[in-house]
């Protein structure tokens, strides 16, 4: 069973995303802040991180950069799930090191397709390829 870490500060969003992932057959660990997410990612084997970008304290992009800087988590796929949906946000988020991007409110089929793509090892199109 694939292990997914969900980093989301909003309890309602965390429950929704966690439930979607569990119903799809994934083992889900949930945290409500980036610092706990980083610590968990460094301590436990994971297959994917679903990262909210707008978090209190350490934000999701900073957390992504920190995960990319550590040899243990450098190759761990990270899917950004964010309310940042303005022109240029996706490019900025992918350039920061996320492997995929889903805007909130999420469309659950798109969300699960992104999760499956990243777990299969498919690379995200880089912003310069778009």
N, C-alpha and C. Protein backbone atom coordinates (compact mmCIF):
# COMPACT_ATOMS: atom_id res chain seq x y z
N UNK A 1 0.85 -1.18 0.00
CA UNK A 1 0.00 0.00 0.00
C UNK A 1 0.90 1.24 0.00
N UNK A 2 0.60 2.16 -0.89
CA UNK A 2 1.38 3.40 -0.99
C UNK A 2 1.10 4.30 0.20
N UNK A 3 2.17 4.93 0.71
CA UNK A 3 2.06 5.79 1.88
C UNK A 3 2.11 7.26 1.47
N UNK A 4 1.09 8.00 1.87
CA UNK A 4 0.95 9.41 1.50
C UNK A 4 0.93 10.25 2.77
N UNK A 5 1.74 11.30 2.76
CA UNK A 5 1.73 12.29 3.84
C UNK A 5 0.91 13.48 3.37
N UNK A 6 -0.09 13.85 4.14
CA UNK A 6 -0.96 14.99 3.84
C UNK A 6 -0.61 16.11 4.81
N UNK A 7 -0.14 17.23 4.27
CA UNK A 7 0.21 18.41 5.07
C UNK A 7 -0.81 19.49 4.75
N UNK A 8 -1.75 19.70 5.66
CA UNK A 8 -2.87 20.63 5.44
C UNK A 8 -3.31 21.20 6.78
N UNK A 9 -3.32 22.52 6.91
CA UNK A 9 -3.67 23.13 8.20
C UNK A 9 -5.17 23.24 8.43
N UNK A 10 -5.97 23.28 7.38
CA UNK A 10 -7.41 23.42 7.53
C UNK A 10 -8.01 22.04 7.81
N UNK A 11 -8.66 21.90 8.97
CA UNK A 11 -9.18 20.60 9.39
C UNK A 11 -10.20 20.03 8.40
N UNK A 12 -11.05 20.88 7.85
CA UNK A 12 -12.06 20.41 6.90
C UNK A 12 -11.40 19.89 5.62
N UNK A 13 -10.46 20.65 5.09
CA UNK A 13 -9.73 20.21 3.88
C UNK A 13 -8.92 18.95 4.15
N UNK A 14 -8.30 18.89 5.34
CA UNK A 14 -7.50 17.72 5.70
C UNK A 14 -8.39 16.47 5.75
N UNK A 15 -9.57 16.59 6.34
CA UNK A 15 -10.49 15.44 6.40
C UNK A 15 -10.93 15.03 5.01
N UNK A 16 -11.31 16.00 4.18
CA UNK A 16 -11.77 15.71 2.83
C UNK A 16 -10.68 15.01 2.02
N UNK A 17 -9.49 15.59 1.98
CA UNK A 17 -8.40 15.01 1.20
C UNK A 17 -7.98 13.65 1.76
N UNK A 18 -7.92 13.56 3.08
CA UNK A 18 -7.56 12.28 3.70
C UNK A 18 -8.57 11.19 3.38
N UNK A 19 -9.85 11.54 3.43
CA UNK A 19 -10.89 10.56 3.10
C UNK A 19 -10.81 10.12 1.65
N UNK A 20 -10.60 11.07 0.75
CA UNK A 20 -10.47 10.73 -0.68
C UNK A 20 -9.30 9.77 -0.89
N UNK A 21 -8.18 10.08 -0.28
CA UNK A 21 -6.99 9.24 -0.44
C UNK A 21 -7.20 7.85 0.16
N UNK A 22 -7.80 7.79 1.34
CA UNK A 22 -8.03 6.49 1.98
C UNK A 22 -9.00 5.64 1.15
N UNK A 23 -10.07 6.26 0.65
CA UNK A 23 -11.03 5.51 -0.17
C UNK A 23 -10.39 4.99 -1.45
N UNK A 24 -9.35 5.68 -1.91
CA UNK A 24 -8.63 5.23 -3.11
C UNK A 24 -7.60 4.15 -2.78
N UNK A 25 -7.45 3.82 -1.50
CA UNK A 25 -6.59 2.71 -1.12
C UNK A 25 -5.21 3.09 -0.62
N UNK A 26 -4.99 4.35 -0.30
CA UNK A 26 -3.69 4.79 0.19
C UNK A 26 -3.66 4.82 1.71
N UNK A 27 -2.48 4.55 2.27
CA UNK A 27 -2.26 4.72 3.70
C UNK A 27 -1.88 6.18 3.90
N UNK A 28 -2.61 6.89 4.74
CA UNK A 28 -2.44 8.34 4.86
C UNK A 28 -2.01 8.72 6.27
N UNK A 29 -0.95 9.53 6.34
CA UNK A 29 -0.55 10.19 7.58
C UNK A 29 -0.90 11.65 7.40
N UNK A 30 -1.43 12.28 8.43
CA UNK A 30 -1.86 13.67 8.34
C UNK A 30 -1.15 14.51 9.39
N UNK A 31 -0.72 15.71 8.97
CA UNK A 31 -0.18 16.71 9.89
C UNK A 31 -0.76 18.06 9.50
N UNK A 32 -0.77 18.98 10.47
CA UNK A 32 -1.39 20.28 10.21
C UNK A 32 -0.40 21.42 10.04
N UNK A 33 0.92 21.08 9.93
CA UNK A 33 1.91 22.13 9.71
C UNK A 33 3.13 21.55 9.01
N UNK A 34 3.87 22.43 8.37
CA UNK A 34 5.01 22.01 7.56
C UNK A 34 6.14 21.43 8.39
N UNK A 35 6.39 21.99 9.56
CA UNK A 35 7.50 21.49 10.38
C UNK A 35 7.29 20.03 10.78
N UNK A 36 6.06 19.69 11.20
CA UNK A 36 5.77 18.29 11.51
C UNK A 36 5.84 17.42 10.27
N UNK A 37 5.43 17.97 9.13
CA UNK A 37 5.51 17.23 7.87
C UNK A 37 6.94 16.92 7.48
N UNK A 38 7.81 17.90 7.61
CA UNK A 38 9.23 17.69 7.29
C UNK A 38 9.81 16.62 8.21
N UNK A 39 9.54 16.73 9.50
CA UNK A 39 10.06 15.76 10.47
C UNK A 39 9.57 14.35 10.14
N UNK A 40 8.30 14.22 9.82
CA UNK A 40 7.74 12.91 9.50
C UNK A 40 8.35 12.35 8.21
N UNK A 41 8.50 13.21 7.21
CA UNK A 41 9.08 12.77 5.93
C UNK A 41 10.53 12.30 6.11
N UNK A 42 11.25 12.90 7.02
CA UNK A 42 12.63 12.50 7.27
C UNK A 42 12.70 11.23 8.11
N UNK A 43 11.66 10.95 8.89
CA UNK A 43 11.68 9.82 9.82
C UNK A 43 11.04 8.55 9.28
N UNK A 44 10.09 8.68 8.37
CA UNK A 44 9.34 7.52 7.90
C UNK A 44 9.43 7.37 6.39
N UNK A 45 9.41 6.14 5.91
CA UNK A 45 9.37 5.96 4.45
C UNK A 45 8.00 6.37 3.90
N UNK A 46 8.02 7.23 2.90
CA UNK A 46 6.79 7.71 2.27
C UNK A 46 6.91 7.57 0.77
N UNK A 47 5.77 7.56 0.10
CA UNK A 47 5.76 7.49 -1.36
C UNK A 47 5.36 8.81 -2.01
N UNK A 48 4.69 9.69 -1.25
CA UNK A 48 4.19 10.95 -1.79
C UNK A 48 3.86 11.90 -0.66
N UNK A 49 4.08 13.20 -0.91
CA UNK A 49 3.63 14.24 0.01
C UNK A 49 2.60 15.09 -0.73
N UNK A 50 1.44 15.28 -0.11
CA UNK A 50 0.44 16.23 -0.60
C UNK A 50 0.58 17.45 0.29
N UNK A 51 1.03 18.56 -0.30
CA UNK A 51 1.45 19.73 0.46
C UNK A 51 0.57 20.94 0.17
N UNK A 52 -0.11 21.43 1.21
CA UNK A 52 -0.76 22.73 1.11
C UNK A 52 0.36 23.77 1.02
N UNK A 53 0.12 24.84 0.30
CA UNK A 53 1.15 25.86 0.15
C UNK A 53 1.03 26.95 1.20
N UNK A 54 -0.18 27.34 1.50
CA UNK A 54 -0.42 28.41 2.46
C UNK A 54 -0.60 27.80 3.85
N UNK A 55 0.49 27.71 4.59
CA UNK A 55 0.48 27.12 5.93
C UNK A 55 0.97 28.15 6.93
N UNK A 56 0.51 28.07 8.18
CA UNK A 56 1.06 28.97 9.20
C UNK A 56 2.50 28.58 9.52
N UNK A 57 3.31 29.55 9.88
CA UNK A 57 4.72 29.25 10.16
C UNK A 57 5.44 28.98 8.86
N UNK A 58 6.10 27.84 8.79
CA UNK A 58 6.81 27.45 7.57
C UNK A 58 5.78 27.16 6.49
N UNK A 59 5.87 27.87 5.36
CA UNK A 59 4.90 27.65 4.28
C UNK A 59 5.28 26.43 3.46
N UNK A 60 4.37 26.02 2.60
CA UNK A 60 4.57 24.81 1.81
C UNK A 60 5.72 24.87 0.82
N UNK A 61 5.99 26.05 0.27
CA UNK A 61 7.11 26.16 -0.68
C UNK A 61 8.44 26.07 0.05
N UNK A 62 8.53 26.67 1.22
CA UNK A 62 9.76 26.56 2.02
C UNK A 62 9.96 25.11 2.44
N UNK A 63 8.89 24.46 2.86
CA UNK A 63 8.97 23.04 3.23
C UNK A 63 9.43 22.20 2.04
N UNK A 64 8.90 22.49 0.87
CA UNK A 64 9.30 21.76 -0.34
C UNK A 64 10.80 21.94 -0.60
N UNK A 65 11.28 23.16 -0.51
CA UNK A 65 12.72 23.42 -0.72
C UNK A 65 13.57 22.67 0.31
N UNK A 66 13.12 22.64 1.56
CA UNK A 66 13.86 21.92 2.59
C UNK A 66 13.87 20.41 2.32
N UNK A 67 12.76 19.86 1.87
CA UNK A 67 12.71 18.44 1.52
C UNK A 67 13.62 18.15 0.33
N UNK A 68 13.66 19.04 -0.63
CA UNK A 68 14.51 18.85 -1.81
C UNK A 68 16.01 18.96 -1.46
N UNK A 69 16.32 19.69 -0.40
CA UNK A 69 17.71 19.90 -0.01
C UNK A 69 18.27 18.73 0.79
N UNK A 70 17.43 17.85 1.27
CA UNK A 70 17.88 16.72 2.08
C UNK A 70 17.97 15.47 1.21
N UNK A 71 19.06 14.75 1.31
CA UNK A 71 19.27 13.56 0.48
C UNK A 71 18.21 12.49 0.72
N UNK A 72 17.68 12.42 1.94
CA UNK A 72 16.67 11.42 2.27
C UNK A 72 15.37 11.64 1.52
N UNK A 73 14.99 12.90 1.30
CA UNK A 73 13.68 13.23 0.73
C UNK A 73 13.77 13.92 -0.63
N UNK A 74 14.97 14.04 -1.16
CA UNK A 74 15.16 14.77 -2.42
C UNK A 74 14.28 14.25 -3.55
N UNK A 75 14.13 12.94 -3.66
CA UNK A 75 13.35 12.36 -4.75
C UNK A 75 11.89 12.08 -4.43
N UNK A 76 11.46 12.44 -3.23
CA UNK A 76 10.08 12.19 -2.82
C UNK A 76 9.12 13.08 -3.61
N UNK A 77 8.16 12.52 -4.33
CA UNK A 77 7.23 13.36 -5.08
C UNK A 77 6.39 14.23 -4.16
N UNK A 78 6.18 15.48 -4.57
CA UNK A 78 5.38 16.44 -3.80
C UNK A 78 4.31 17.02 -4.71
N UNK A 79 3.05 16.87 -4.27
CA UNK A 79 1.91 17.42 -4.99
C UNK A 79 1.40 18.63 -4.22
N UNK A 80 1.46 19.79 -4.84
CA UNK A 80 0.93 21.01 -4.22
C UNK A 80 -0.58 21.04 -4.39
N UNK A 81 -1.28 21.29 -3.29
CA UNK A 81 -2.72 21.49 -3.32
C UNK A 81 -2.94 22.85 -2.68
N UNK A 82 -3.43 23.80 -3.48
CA UNK A 82 -3.40 25.17 -3.01
C UNK A 82 -4.53 26.03 -3.54
N UNK A 83 -4.84 27.06 -2.78
CA UNK A 83 -5.81 28.06 -3.22
C UNK A 83 -5.14 29.09 -4.13
N UNK A 84 -3.81 29.03 -4.24
CA UNK A 84 -3.09 29.92 -5.15
C UNK A 84 -3.37 29.47 -6.58
N UNK A 85 -4.33 30.12 -7.22
CA UNK A 85 -4.75 29.70 -8.55
C UNK A 85 -4.76 30.87 -9.54
N UNK A 86 -3.93 31.85 -9.29
CA UNK A 86 -3.83 32.99 -10.19
C UNK A 86 -2.83 32.67 -11.29
N UNK A 87 -2.86 33.47 -12.33
CA UNK A 87 -1.93 33.30 -13.44
C UNK A 87 -0.49 33.31 -12.90
N UNK A 88 0.28 32.34 -13.27
CA UNK A 88 1.67 32.25 -12.85
C UNK A 88 1.91 31.45 -11.58
N UNK A 89 0.85 31.20 -10.80
CA UNK A 89 1.04 30.46 -9.54
C UNK A 89 1.53 29.04 -9.78
N UNK A 90 0.95 28.35 -10.74
CA UNK A 90 1.37 26.97 -11.00
C UNK A 90 2.84 26.94 -11.39
N UNK A 91 3.26 27.83 -12.27
CA UNK A 91 4.66 27.87 -12.71
C UNK A 91 5.58 28.12 -11.51
N UNK A 92 5.22 29.08 -10.67
CA UNK A 92 6.03 29.42 -9.50
C UNK A 92 6.14 28.23 -8.55
N UNK A 93 5.04 27.53 -8.36
CA UNK A 93 5.02 26.39 -7.44
C UNK A 93 5.84 25.22 -8.00
N UNK A 94 5.73 24.94 -9.28
CA UNK A 94 6.53 23.87 -9.89
C UNK A 94 8.02 24.24 -9.88
N UNK A 95 8.32 25.50 -10.12
CA UNK A 95 9.72 25.94 -10.10
C UNK A 95 10.32 25.82 -8.70
N UNK A 96 9.49 25.90 -7.67
CA UNK A 96 9.97 25.77 -6.29
C UNK A 96 10.28 24.32 -5.92
N UNK A 97 9.91 23.38 -6.79
CA UNK A 97 10.26 21.99 -6.54
C UNK A 97 9.11 21.02 -6.43
N UNK A 98 7.87 21.50 -6.47
CA UNK A 98 6.73 20.58 -6.44
C UNK A 98 6.65 19.84 -7.78
N UNK A 99 6.17 18.62 -7.74
CA UNK A 99 6.09 17.79 -8.93
C UNK A 99 4.73 17.84 -9.61
N UNK A 100 3.75 18.38 -8.92
CA UNK A 100 2.41 18.50 -9.45
C UNK A 100 1.67 19.60 -8.74
N UNK A 101 0.53 19.99 -9.31
CA UNK A 101 -0.23 21.15 -8.82
C UNK A 101 -1.70 20.89 -9.01
N UNK A 102 -2.47 21.09 -7.94
CA UNK A 102 -3.93 21.01 -8.00
C UNK A 102 -4.47 22.23 -7.26
N UNK A 103 -5.34 22.99 -7.93
CA UNK A 103 -5.93 24.18 -7.32
C UNK A 103 -7.15 23.79 -6.50
N UNK A 104 -7.34 24.51 -5.39
CA UNK A 104 -8.55 24.37 -4.58
C UNK A 104 -9.59 25.34 -5.12
N UNK A 105 -10.86 25.01 -5.02
CA UNK A 105 -11.38 23.74 -4.53
C UNK A 105 -11.02 22.62 -5.50
N UNK A 106 -10.66 21.48 -4.96
CA UNK A 106 -10.18 20.40 -5.81
C UNK A 106 -11.32 19.71 -6.54
N UNK A 107 -10.99 19.22 -7.72
CA UNK A 107 -11.85 18.28 -8.44
C UNK A 107 -11.26 16.90 -8.10
N UNK A 108 -12.01 16.07 -7.39
CA UNK A 108 -11.41 14.87 -6.82
C UNK A 108 -10.83 13.93 -7.88
N UNK A 109 -11.42 13.85 -9.06
CA UNK A 109 -10.88 12.97 -10.10
C UNK A 109 -9.53 13.49 -10.59
N UNK A 110 -9.41 14.79 -10.77
CA UNK A 110 -8.12 15.38 -11.16
C UNK A 110 -7.09 15.16 -10.07
N UNK A 111 -7.50 15.36 -8.82
CA UNK A 111 -6.61 15.17 -7.68
C UNK A 111 -6.08 13.73 -7.67
N UNK A 112 -6.96 12.75 -7.76
CA UNK A 112 -6.53 11.36 -7.74
C UNK A 112 -5.69 11.00 -8.96
N UNK A 113 -5.98 11.60 -10.09
CA UNK A 113 -5.16 11.35 -11.29
C UNK A 113 -3.74 11.88 -11.08
N UNK A 114 -3.62 13.04 -10.47
CA UNK A 114 -2.28 13.59 -10.17
C UNK A 114 -1.55 12.70 -9.17
N UNK A 115 -2.25 12.25 -8.14
CA UNK A 115 -1.64 11.36 -7.15
C UNK A 115 -1.14 10.10 -7.84
N UNK A 116 -1.97 9.47 -8.65
CA UNK A 116 -1.59 8.24 -9.35
C UNK A 116 -0.41 8.48 -10.28
N UNK A 117 -0.41 9.61 -11.00
CA UNK A 117 0.69 9.93 -11.92
C UNK A 117 2.00 10.05 -11.16
N UNK A 118 1.98 10.75 -10.04
CA UNK A 118 3.21 10.94 -9.28
C UNK A 118 3.68 9.65 -8.64
N UNK A 119 2.75 8.84 -8.16
CA UNK A 119 3.14 7.56 -7.57
C UNK A 119 3.68 6.60 -8.63
N UNK A 120 3.27 6.78 -9.86
CA UNK A 120 3.78 5.95 -10.96
C UNK A 120 5.15 6.42 -11.45
N UNK A 121 5.59 7.55 -10.90
CA UNK A 121 6.91 8.07 -11.28
C UNK A 121 6.91 8.95 -12.49
N UNK A 122 5.74 9.37 -12.97
CA UNK A 122 5.69 10.23 -14.14
C UNK A 122 6.09 11.65 -13.74
N UNK A 123 6.96 12.22 -14.50
CA UNK A 123 7.43 13.58 -14.22
C UNK A 123 6.37 14.60 -14.63
N UNK A 124 6.30 15.65 -13.87
CA UNK A 124 5.40 16.76 -14.21
C UNK A 124 6.00 17.54 -15.35
N UNK A 125 5.17 18.09 -16.24
CA UNK A 125 5.72 18.98 -17.26
C UNK A 125 6.31 20.19 -16.54
N UNK A 126 7.53 20.51 -16.86
CA UNK A 126 8.16 21.68 -16.25
C UNK A 126 7.57 22.94 -16.84
N UNK A 127 7.58 24.04 -16.09
CA UNK A 127 7.00 25.29 -16.58
C UNK A 127 7.57 25.73 -17.93
N UNK A 128 8.84 25.45 -18.16
CA UNK A 128 9.43 25.86 -19.43
C UNK A 128 8.94 25.03 -20.60
N UNK A 129 8.34 23.85 -20.30
CA UNK A 129 7.80 22.99 -21.34
C UNK A 129 6.38 23.39 -21.74
N UNK A 130 5.75 24.19 -20.91
CA UNK A 130 4.35 24.56 -21.16
C UNK A 130 4.23 25.58 -22.25
